[in-house]
């Protein structure tokens, strides 16, 4: 990745689109495209993190999410989509998670399930990676997703420090 501005412009455009999206009808294609855009956006975010194109501000950001434990059934490939049956959605716990962690939930999503608000605007998603599926599913409100896209999309580091670290046999990179 040579220049990150093109990647970040896409994130900002996606955030702007999410703010105004009020789909009239709920169609399979609409939901698939919504979920696909989120997965692609969070892949871009992960790439920006891994190539040190964001500052510590993005690295330190903690998103407010909601967690739901499994309801007692083993979660498998056959039932992972029945989130209201396999997770206890009545027992919500608030948590904070870093952007890298959330990016991995989208990129490696075992389950991703979009939901809308009563006014038809996107409400957010329930998502968990295959690794997390038997521990918890996360509900990420659309406002938090927009915050993340805008933060990373606007985050241009002003400095970079590279220090050799013998323990990892490579340089440690810190941006600010």
N, C-alpha and C. Protein backbone atom coordinates (compact mmCIF):
# COMPACT_ATOMS: atom_id res chain seq x y z
N UNK A 1 0.86 -1.17 0.00
CA UNK A 1 0.00 0.00 0.00
C UNK A 1 0.90 1.23 0.00
N UNK A 2 0.83 2.01 -1.06
CA UNK A 2 1.68 3.19 -1.17
C UNK A 2 0.99 4.40 -0.54
N UNK A 3 -0.21 4.70 -0.93
CA UNK A 3 -0.91 5.87 -0.41
C UNK A 3 -2.24 5.45 0.19
N UNK A 4 -2.45 5.81 1.44
CA UNK A 4 -3.64 5.37 2.16
C UNK A 4 -4.86 6.26 1.92
N UNK A 5 -4.68 7.43 1.32
CA UNK A 5 -5.80 8.36 1.20
C UNK A 5 -6.96 7.77 0.40
N UNK A 6 -6.68 6.93 -0.58
CA UNK A 6 -7.75 6.35 -1.39
C UNK A 6 -8.58 5.35 -0.57
N UNK A 7 -7.90 4.60 0.28
CA UNK A 7 -8.58 3.67 1.15
C UNK A 7 -9.44 4.43 2.16
N UNK A 8 -8.87 5.50 2.70
CA UNK A 8 -9.57 6.28 3.72
C UNK A 8 -10.76 7.04 3.12
N UNK A 9 -10.62 7.51 1.89
CA UNK A 9 -11.75 8.17 1.21
C UNK A 9 -12.93 7.22 1.09
N UNK A 10 -12.66 5.97 0.75
CA UNK A 10 -13.73 4.97 0.66
C UNK A 10 -14.42 4.76 2.01
N UNK A 11 -13.64 4.73 3.09
CA UNK A 11 -14.23 4.57 4.41
C UNK A 11 -15.15 5.74 4.75
N UNK A 12 -14.72 6.95 4.42
CA UNK A 12 -15.53 8.14 4.70
C UNK A 12 -16.80 8.15 3.84
N UNK A 13 -16.70 7.73 2.60
CA UNK A 13 -17.88 7.63 1.74
C UNK A 13 -18.87 6.60 2.28
N UNK A 14 -18.35 5.48 2.74
CA UNK A 14 -19.22 4.45 3.29
C UNK A 14 -19.91 4.96 4.56
N UNK A 15 -19.18 5.67 5.41
CA UNK A 15 -19.78 6.23 6.62
C UNK A 15 -20.90 7.21 6.27
N UNK A 16 -20.66 8.05 5.27
CA UNK A 16 -21.67 9.02 4.84
C UNK A 16 -22.91 8.31 4.31
N UNK A 17 -22.69 7.25 3.56
CA UNK A 17 -23.82 6.48 3.02
C UNK A 17 -24.62 5.82 4.14
N UNK A 18 -23.95 5.29 5.13
CA UNK A 18 -24.64 4.62 6.24
C UNK A 18 -25.48 5.59 7.05
N UNK A 19 -25.04 6.85 7.15
CA UNK A 19 -25.78 7.86 7.92
C UNK A 19 -27.15 8.15 7.31
N UNK A 20 -27.24 8.06 6.00
CA UNK A 20 -28.46 8.47 5.31
C UNK A 20 -29.29 7.30 4.78
N UNK A 21 -28.78 6.08 4.88
CA UNK A 21 -29.47 4.93 4.29
C UNK A 21 -30.73 4.57 5.08
N UNK A 22 -31.87 4.64 4.38
CA UNK A 22 -33.16 4.21 4.94
C UNK A 22 -33.86 3.37 3.88
N UNK A 23 -33.41 2.15 3.69
CA UNK A 23 -34.01 1.32 2.64
C UNK A 23 -35.50 1.11 2.86
N UNK A 24 -36.28 1.27 1.79
CA UNK A 24 -37.74 1.11 1.89
C UNK A 24 -38.13 -0.34 2.09
N UNK A 25 -37.44 -1.22 1.38
CA UNK A 25 -37.77 -2.64 1.46
C UNK A 25 -36.57 -3.43 1.97
N UNK A 26 -36.88 -4.51 2.61
CA UNK A 26 -35.86 -5.43 3.14
C UNK A 26 -35.73 -6.57 2.13
N UNK A 27 -34.68 -6.56 1.35
CA UNK A 27 -34.47 -7.61 0.37
C UNK A 27 -33.17 -8.34 0.68
N UNK A 28 -33.09 -9.56 0.19
CA UNK A 28 -31.88 -10.33 0.41
C UNK A 28 -30.66 -9.62 -0.17
N UNK A 29 -30.81 -9.08 -1.39
CA UNK A 29 -29.70 -8.38 -2.05
C UNK A 29 -29.26 -7.17 -1.22
N UNK A 30 -30.22 -6.43 -0.70
CA UNK A 30 -29.92 -5.24 0.11
C UNK A 30 -29.09 -5.62 1.35
N UNK A 31 -29.51 -6.67 2.03
CA UNK A 31 -28.82 -7.11 3.24
C UNK A 31 -27.42 -7.63 2.90
N UNK A 32 -27.33 -8.43 1.85
CA UNK A 32 -26.03 -8.98 1.44
C UNK A 32 -25.06 -7.84 1.10
N UNK A 33 -25.52 -6.84 0.36
CA UNK A 33 -24.64 -5.72 0.00
C UNK A 33 -24.24 -4.91 1.22
N UNK A 34 -25.15 -4.73 2.15
CA UNK A 34 -24.84 -4.02 3.40
C UNK A 34 -23.75 -4.76 4.17
N UNK A 35 -23.94 -6.05 4.36
CA UNK A 35 -22.96 -6.86 5.09
C UNK A 35 -21.63 -6.91 4.35
N UNK A 36 -21.69 -7.04 3.03
CA UNK A 36 -20.47 -7.10 2.22
C UNK A 36 -19.67 -5.80 2.34
N UNK A 37 -20.34 -4.66 2.29
CA UNK A 37 -19.65 -3.37 2.43
C UNK A 37 -18.99 -3.24 3.79
N UNK A 38 -19.65 -3.75 4.82
CA UNK A 38 -19.05 -3.69 6.16
C UNK A 38 -17.81 -4.58 6.23
N UNK A 39 -17.90 -5.78 5.70
CA UNK A 39 -16.74 -6.69 5.72
C UNK A 39 -15.58 -6.08 4.96
N UNK A 40 -15.85 -5.52 3.79
CA UNK A 40 -14.78 -4.90 2.99
C UNK A 40 -14.20 -3.69 3.72
N UNK A 41 -15.05 -2.87 4.32
CA UNK A 41 -14.57 -1.70 5.05
C UNK A 41 -13.67 -2.11 6.22
N UNK A 42 -14.08 -3.13 6.96
CA UNK A 42 -13.26 -3.56 8.09
C UNK A 42 -12.00 -4.28 7.64
N UNK A 43 -12.02 -4.89 6.47
CA UNK A 43 -10.78 -5.42 5.91
C UNK A 43 -9.82 -4.27 5.58
N UNK A 44 -10.36 -3.20 4.98
CA UNK A 44 -9.54 -2.02 4.69
C UNK A 44 -8.95 -1.43 5.97
N UNK A 45 -9.76 -1.37 7.01
CA UNK A 45 -9.28 -0.85 8.29
C UNK A 45 -8.14 -1.71 8.81
N UNK A 46 -8.31 -3.00 8.77
CA UNK A 46 -7.25 -3.88 9.25
C UNK A 46 -5.96 -3.68 8.44
N UNK A 47 -6.10 -3.53 7.13
CA UNK A 47 -4.93 -3.30 6.28
C UNK A 47 -4.25 -1.98 6.65
N UNK A 48 -5.03 -0.94 6.90
CA UNK A 48 -4.47 0.35 7.31
C UNK A 48 -3.73 0.22 8.65
N UNK A 49 -4.27 -0.56 9.57
CA UNK A 49 -3.61 -0.79 10.86
C UNK A 49 -2.30 -1.54 10.65
N UNK A 50 -2.34 -2.60 9.86
CA UNK A 50 -1.15 -3.45 9.68
C UNK A 50 -0.03 -2.75 8.92
N UNK A 51 -0.37 -1.76 8.10
CA UNK A 51 0.65 -1.03 7.35
C UNK A 51 1.01 0.29 8.02
N UNK A 52 0.56 0.47 9.24
CA UNK A 52 0.92 1.64 10.07
C UNK A 52 0.49 2.96 9.42
N UNK A 53 -0.69 2.97 8.83
CA UNK A 53 -1.21 4.17 8.17
C UNK A 53 -2.21 4.93 9.03
N UNK A 54 -2.30 4.56 10.31
CA UNK A 54 -3.14 5.28 11.26
C UNK A 54 -2.31 5.55 12.51
N UNK A 55 -2.75 6.51 13.30
CA UNK A 55 -2.02 6.88 14.51
C UNK A 55 -2.49 6.05 15.70
N UNK A 56 -1.86 6.30 16.83
CA UNK A 56 -2.24 5.64 18.07
C UNK A 56 -3.69 5.98 18.47
N UNK A 57 -4.19 7.09 17.99
CA UNK A 57 -5.58 7.47 18.28
C UNK A 57 -6.54 6.36 17.85
N UNK A 58 -6.36 5.85 16.65
CA UNK A 58 -7.22 4.75 16.17
C UNK A 58 -6.91 3.46 16.92
N UNK A 59 -5.65 3.20 17.17
CA UNK A 59 -5.26 1.98 17.88
C UNK A 59 -5.85 1.93 19.28
N UNK A 60 -5.95 3.08 19.93
CA UNK A 60 -6.42 3.13 21.32
C UNK A 60 -7.95 3.25 21.45
N UNK A 61 -8.65 3.52 20.35
CA UNK A 61 -10.09 3.71 20.40
C UNK A 61 -10.79 2.44 20.88
N UNK A 62 -11.73 2.60 21.77
CA UNK A 62 -12.52 1.48 22.29
C UNK A 62 -13.98 1.72 21.94
N UNK A 63 -14.55 0.82 21.15
CA UNK A 63 -15.93 0.93 20.71
C UNK A 63 -16.88 0.33 21.74
N UNK A 64 -18.03 0.97 21.91
CA UNK A 64 -19.07 0.45 22.80
C UNK A 64 -19.91 -0.56 22.02
N UNK A 65 -19.91 -1.80 22.50
CA UNK A 65 -20.66 -2.87 21.86
C UNK A 65 -21.47 -3.60 22.92
N UNK A 66 -22.30 -4.52 22.47
CA UNK A 66 -23.12 -5.31 23.38
C UNK A 66 -22.85 -6.78 23.12
N UNK A 67 -22.78 -7.57 24.20
CA UNK A 67 -22.41 -8.98 24.11
C UNK A 67 -23.57 -9.85 24.59
N UNK A 68 -23.67 -11.01 23.96
CA UNK A 68 -24.70 -11.99 24.32
C UNK A 68 -24.04 -13.36 24.38
N UNK A 69 -24.20 -14.03 25.50
CA UNK A 69 -23.61 -15.35 25.69
C UNK A 69 -24.47 -16.41 25.00
N UNK A 70 -23.89 -17.55 24.71
CA UNK A 70 -24.69 -18.65 24.16
C UNK A 70 -25.79 -19.06 25.14
N UNK A 71 -26.89 -19.54 24.59
CA UNK A 71 -28.05 -19.90 25.41
C UNK A 71 -27.98 -21.33 25.94
N UNK A 72 -26.88 -22.01 25.67
CA UNK A 72 -26.74 -23.37 26.18
C UNK A 72 -26.54 -24.40 25.09
N UNK A 73 -27.00 -24.10 23.88
CA UNK A 73 -26.81 -25.01 22.76
C UNK A 73 -25.41 -24.84 22.19
N UNK A 74 -24.85 -25.93 21.68
CA UNK A 74 -23.58 -25.81 20.94
C UNK A 74 -23.89 -25.11 19.63
N UNK A 75 -23.07 -24.15 19.29
CA UNK A 75 -23.29 -23.38 18.07
C UNK A 75 -22.47 -24.02 16.95
N UNK A 76 -23.18 -24.42 15.92
CA UNK A 76 -22.56 -25.15 14.80
C UNK A 76 -22.87 -24.43 13.49
N UNK A 77 -22.33 -24.95 12.41
CA UNK A 77 -22.61 -24.40 11.08
C UNK A 77 -24.08 -24.57 10.70
N UNK A 78 -24.77 -25.48 11.34
CA UNK A 78 -26.18 -25.73 11.03
C UNK A 78 -27.13 -24.77 11.76
N UNK A 79 -26.70 -24.22 12.90
CA UNK A 79 -27.63 -23.37 13.66
C UNK A 79 -27.10 -21.96 13.91
N UNK A 80 -25.92 -21.63 13.40
CA UNK A 80 -25.30 -20.34 13.71
C UNK A 80 -26.14 -19.14 13.30
N UNK A 81 -27.06 -19.32 12.36
CA UNK A 81 -27.89 -18.20 11.88
C UNK A 81 -29.12 -17.97 12.74
N UNK A 82 -29.46 -18.93 13.60
CA UNK A 82 -30.62 -18.79 14.49
C UNK A 82 -30.19 -18.07 15.76
N UNK A 83 -29.75 -16.82 15.61
CA UNK A 83 -29.12 -16.14 16.74
C UNK A 83 -30.06 -15.99 17.93
N UNK A 84 -31.36 -15.84 17.69
CA UNK A 84 -32.29 -15.69 18.80
C UNK A 84 -32.51 -17.01 19.55
N UNK A 85 -32.10 -18.13 18.96
CA UNK A 85 -32.21 -19.42 19.62
C UNK A 85 -30.90 -19.86 20.28
N UNK A 86 -29.77 -19.54 19.66
CA UNK A 86 -28.50 -20.03 20.18
C UNK A 86 -27.81 -19.04 21.11
N UNK A 87 -28.25 -17.77 21.12
CA UNK A 87 -27.70 -16.78 22.04
C UNK A 87 -28.82 -16.24 22.92
N UNK A 88 -28.48 -15.90 24.14
CA UNK A 88 -29.46 -15.34 25.07
C UNK A 88 -29.53 -13.83 24.85
N UNK A 89 -30.37 -13.41 23.92
CA UNK A 89 -30.47 -12.00 23.54
C UNK A 89 -31.19 -11.16 24.59
N UNK A 90 -31.73 -11.80 25.60
CA UNK A 90 -32.39 -11.05 26.68
C UNK A 90 -31.38 -10.59 27.73
N UNK A 91 -30.22 -11.23 27.77
CA UNK A 91 -29.18 -10.88 28.74
C UNK A 91 -28.04 -10.18 28.03
N UNK A 92 -28.18 -8.88 27.93
CA UNK A 92 -27.21 -8.05 27.21
C UNK A 92 -26.17 -7.51 28.19
N UNK A 93 -24.90 -7.59 27.78
CA UNK A 93 -23.82 -7.00 28.56
C UNK A 93 -23.11 -5.97 27.70
N UNK A 94 -22.86 -4.82 28.28
CA UNK A 94 -22.13 -3.77 27.58
C UNK A 94 -20.63 -4.03 27.72
N UNK A 95 -19.89 -3.78 26.64
CA UNK A 95 -18.45 -3.99 26.65
C UNK A 95 -17.79 -2.96 25.74
N UNK A 96 -16.49 -2.87 25.83
CA UNK A 96 -15.73 -2.04 24.90
C UNK A 96 -14.68 -2.93 24.24
N UNK A 97 -14.50 -2.72 22.94
CA UNK A 97 -13.55 -3.52 22.17
C UNK A 97 -12.77 -2.60 21.25
N UNK A 98 -11.52 -2.98 20.99
CA UNK A 98 -10.67 -2.23 20.08
C UNK A 98 -11.06 -2.48 18.63
N UNK A 99 -10.65 -1.57 17.78
CA UNK A 99 -10.99 -1.66 16.36
C UNK A 99 -10.39 -2.90 15.71
N UNK A 100 -9.17 -3.27 16.07
CA UNK A 100 -8.56 -4.47 15.49
C UNK A 100 -9.38 -5.71 15.81
N UNK A 101 -9.82 -5.83 17.05
CA UNK A 101 -10.64 -6.97 17.46
C UNK A 101 -11.93 -7.01 16.65
N UNK A 102 -12.59 -5.87 16.53
CA UNK A 102 -13.85 -5.83 15.79
C UNK A 102 -13.63 -6.11 14.31
N UNK A 103 -12.52 -5.62 13.75
CA UNK A 103 -12.21 -5.91 12.35
C UNK A 103 -12.12 -7.42 12.13
N UNK A 104 -11.48 -8.11 13.05
CA UNK A 104 -11.38 -9.56 12.92
C UNK A 104 -12.73 -10.26 13.01
N UNK A 105 -13.65 -9.70 13.79
CA UNK A 105 -14.99 -10.30 13.88
C UNK A 105 -15.68 -10.24 12.51
N UNK A 106 -15.51 -9.12 11.81
CA UNK A 106 -16.11 -8.99 10.48
C UNK A 106 -15.39 -9.85 9.45
N UNK A 107 -14.07 -9.77 9.43
CA UNK A 107 -13.28 -10.47 8.41
C UNK A 107 -13.44 -11.99 8.53
N UNK A 108 -13.47 -12.48 9.76
CA UNK A 108 -13.58 -13.92 9.99
C UNK A 108 -14.98 -14.30 10.46
N UNK A 109 -15.98 -13.52 10.05
CA UNK A 109 -17.33 -13.72 10.57
C UNK A 109 -17.87 -15.11 10.26
N UNK A 110 -18.24 -15.75 11.33
CA UNK A 110 -18.98 -17.01 11.26
C UNK A 110 -20.45 -16.65 11.09
N UNK A 111 -20.85 -15.64 11.84
CA UNK A 111 -22.22 -15.14 11.78
C UNK A 111 -22.18 -13.63 11.65
N UNK A 112 -22.94 -13.12 10.71
CA UNK A 112 -23.17 -11.68 10.60
C UNK A 112 -24.63 -11.51 10.26
N UNK A 113 -25.30 -10.69 11.04
CA UNK A 113 -26.74 -10.56 10.91
C UNK A 113 -27.10 -9.08 11.06
N UNK A 114 -27.54 -8.46 9.98
CA UNK A 114 -27.90 -7.04 10.00
C UNK A 114 -29.29 -6.85 10.61
N UNK A 115 -29.48 -5.72 11.26
CA UNK A 115 -30.81 -5.38 11.76
C UNK A 115 -31.09 -3.91 11.48
N UNK A 116 -32.39 -3.58 11.42
CA UNK A 116 -32.81 -2.20 11.17
C UNK A 116 -33.64 -1.68 12.33
N UNK A 117 -33.70 -0.35 12.40
CA UNK A 117 -34.52 0.32 13.41
C UNK A 117 -35.95 0.45 12.91
N UNK A 118 -36.84 0.93 13.77
CA UNK A 118 -38.24 1.08 13.38
C UNK A 118 -38.44 2.08 12.24
N UNK A 119 -37.53 3.07 12.13
CA UNK A 119 -37.64 4.06 11.06
C UNK A 119 -37.03 3.56 9.74
N UNK A 120 -36.67 2.29 9.69
CA UNK A 120 -36.10 1.60 8.52
C UNK A 120 -34.61 1.85 8.30
N UNK A 121 -34.00 2.74 9.07
CA UNK A 121 -32.56 2.95 8.92
C UNK A 121 -31.83 1.74 9.52
N UNK A 122 -30.59 1.55 9.07
CA UNK A 122 -29.82 0.43 9.60
C UNK A 122 -29.57 0.65 11.09
N UNK A 123 -29.76 -0.40 11.87
CA UNK A 123 -29.51 -0.33 13.31
C UNK A 123 -28.11 -0.78 13.67
N UNK A 124 -27.59 -1.73 12.88
CA UNK A 124 -26.26 -2.27 13.13
C UNK A 124 -26.21 -3.73 12.74
N UNK A 125 -25.28 -4.46 13.38
CA UNK A 125 -25.13 -5.87 13.07
C UNK A 125 -24.83 -6.66 14.34
N UNK A 126 -25.22 -7.92 14.29
CA UNK A 126 -24.75 -8.92 15.22
C UNK A 126 -23.63 -9.64 14.46
N UNK A 127 -22.49 -9.83 15.10
CA UNK A 127 -21.38 -10.45 14.39
C UNK A 127 -20.48 -11.19 15.38
N UNK A 128 -19.94 -12.30 14.91
CA UNK A 128 -18.90 -13.00 15.67
C UNK A 128 -18.08 -13.84 14.72
N UNK A 129 -16.82 -13.98 15.06
CA UNK A 129 -15.93 -14.82 14.27
C UNK A 129 -16.16 -16.28 14.67
N UNK A 130 -15.62 -17.18 13.88
CA UNK A 130 -15.71 -18.60 14.19
C UNK A 130 -15.07 -18.90 15.54
N UNK A 131 -13.99 -18.17 15.84
CA UNK A 131 -13.29 -18.36 17.11
C UNK A 131 -14.15 -17.94 18.30
N UNK A 132 -14.96 -16.91 18.13
CA UNK A 132 -15.76 -16.35 19.23
C UNK A 132 -17.16 -16.96 19.34
N UNK A 133 -17.62 -17.67 18.32
CA UNK A 133 -19.03 -18.06 18.25
C UNK A 133 -19.56 -18.81 19.47
N UNK A 134 -18.73 -19.63 20.12
CA UNK A 134 -19.19 -20.36 21.30
C UNK A 134 -18.93 -19.60 22.60
N UNK A 135 -18.44 -18.36 22.47
CA UNK A 135 -18.21 -17.51 23.65
C UNK A 135 -19.24 -16.40 23.72
N UNK A 136 -19.42 -15.70 22.58
CA UNK A 136 -20.34 -14.55 22.57
C UNK A 136 -20.59 -14.10 21.14
N UNK A 137 -21.70 -13.40 20.96
CA UNK A 137 -21.95 -12.68 19.72
C UNK A 137 -22.04 -11.21 20.11
N UNK A 138 -21.54 -10.34 19.24
CA UNK A 138 -21.49 -8.91 19.51
C UNK A 138 -22.53 -8.19 18.69
N UNK A 139 -23.22 -7.25 19.34
CA UNK A 139 -24.11 -6.35 18.61
C UNK A 139 -23.39 -5.01 18.53
N UNK A 140 -23.16 -4.59 17.30
CA UNK A 140 -22.45 -3.32 17.09
C UNK A 140 -23.44 -2.34 16.46
N UNK A 141 -23.83 -1.31 17.20
CA UNK A 141 -24.76 -0.32 16.65
C UNK A 141 -24.15 0.43 15.46
N UNK A 142 -24.99 0.83 14.54
CA UNK A 142 -24.52 1.51 13.33
C UNK A 142 -23.79 2.81 13.68
N UNK A 143 -24.21 3.49 14.74
CA UNK A 143 -23.52 4.73 15.13
C UNK A 143 -22.06 4.45 15.48
N UNK A 144 -21.80 3.32 16.12
CA UNK A 144 -20.42 2.96 16.48
C UNK A 144 -19.63 2.58 15.22
N UNK A 145 -20.26 1.90 14.30
CA UNK A 145 -19.61 1.55 13.04
C UNK A 145 -19.24 2.82 12.28
N UNK A 146 -20.15 3.77 12.22
CA UNK A 146 -19.89 5.05 11.55
C UNK A 146 -18.74 5.79 12.24
N UNK A 147 -18.75 5.80 13.58
CA UNK A 147 -17.65 6.43 14.33
C UNK A 147 -16.30 5.84 13.94
N UNK A 148 -16.25 4.51 13.84
CA UNK A 148 -14.99 3.83 13.50
C UNK A 148 -14.57 4.20 12.08
N UNK A 149 -15.49 4.15 11.13
CA UNK A 149 -15.15 4.48 9.74
C UNK A 149 -14.66 5.91 9.63
N UNK A 150 -15.31 6.84 10.32
CA UNK A 150 -14.90 8.24 10.26
C UNK A 150 -13.56 8.47 10.96
N UNK A 151 -13.36 7.82 12.09
CA UNK A 151 -12.09 7.96 12.82
C UNK A 151 -10.92 7.49 11.96
N UNK A 152 -11.00 6.26 11.47
CA UNK A 152 -9.91 5.70 10.68
C UNK A 152 -9.77 6.44 9.36
N UNK A 153 -10.90 6.79 8.75
CA UNK A 153 -10.86 7.51 7.48
C UNK A 153 -10.25 8.89 7.56
N UNK A 154 -10.22 9.47 8.74
CA UNK A 154 -9.68 10.81 8.94
C UNK A 154 -8.33 10.81 9.66
N UNK A 155 -7.83 9.66 9.98
CA UNK A 155 -6.63 9.54 10.81
C UNK A 155 -5.37 9.46 9.94
N UNK A 156 -4.65 10.57 9.90
CA UNK A 156 -3.38 10.65 9.18
C UNK A 156 -2.28 10.90 10.19
N UNK A 157 -1.42 9.91 10.44
CA UNK A 157 -0.35 10.10 11.43
C UNK A 157 0.59 11.22 11.02
N UNK A 158 1.12 11.91 12.02
CA UNK A 158 2.08 12.99 11.74
C UNK A 158 3.52 12.54 11.94
N UNK A 159 3.70 11.41 12.65
CA UNK A 159 5.06 10.92 12.84
C UNK A 159 5.07 9.41 12.97
N UNK A 160 6.26 8.85 12.72
CA UNK A 160 6.44 7.41 12.84
C UNK A 160 7.81 7.16 13.47
N UNK A 161 7.83 6.26 14.45
CA UNK A 161 9.08 5.87 15.08
C UNK A 161 9.27 4.37 14.89
N UNK A 162 10.47 4.00 14.42
CA UNK A 162 10.77 2.58 14.22
C UNK A 162 11.96 2.22 15.11
N UNK A 163 11.75 1.21 15.95
CA UNK A 163 12.78 0.78 16.88
C UNK A 163 13.00 -0.73 16.72
N UNK A 164 14.28 -1.12 16.58
CA UNK A 164 14.57 -2.54 16.44
C UNK A 164 14.22 -3.28 17.72
N UNK A 165 13.51 -4.41 17.59
CA UNK A 165 13.13 -5.23 18.72
C UNK A 165 13.65 -6.65 18.47
N UNK A 166 14.69 -7.03 19.20
CA UNK A 166 15.32 -8.34 19.01
C UNK A 166 14.35 -9.49 19.34
N UNK A 167 13.43 -9.26 20.25
CA UNK A 167 12.49 -10.31 20.64
C UNK A 167 11.60 -10.75 19.47
N UNK A 168 11.24 -9.81 18.60
CA UNK A 168 10.41 -10.15 17.44
C UNK A 168 11.22 -10.21 16.16
N UNK A 169 12.52 -9.89 16.27
CA UNK A 169 13.45 -9.91 15.15
C UNK A 169 12.96 -9.01 14.00
N UNK A 170 12.44 -7.85 14.41
CA UNK A 170 11.93 -6.88 13.43
C UNK A 170 11.78 -5.53 14.14
N UNK A 171 11.37 -4.55 13.37
CA UNK A 171 11.15 -3.23 13.95
C UNK A 171 9.77 -3.12 14.56
N UNK A 172 9.69 -2.43 15.69
CA UNK A 172 8.40 -2.04 16.27
C UNK A 172 8.12 -0.65 15.72
N UNK A 173 6.90 -0.47 15.26
CA UNK A 173 6.51 0.79 14.64
C UNK A 173 5.45 1.45 15.52
N UNK A 174 5.67 2.73 15.82
CA UNK A 174 4.69 3.51 16.58
C UNK A 174 4.41 4.77 15.78
N UNK A 175 3.12 5.04 15.56
CA UNK A 175 2.72 6.25 14.83
C UNK A 175 1.94 7.16 15.77
N UNK A 176 2.05 8.45 15.50
CA UNK A 176 1.27 9.41 16.31
C UNK A 176 0.84 10.56 15.44
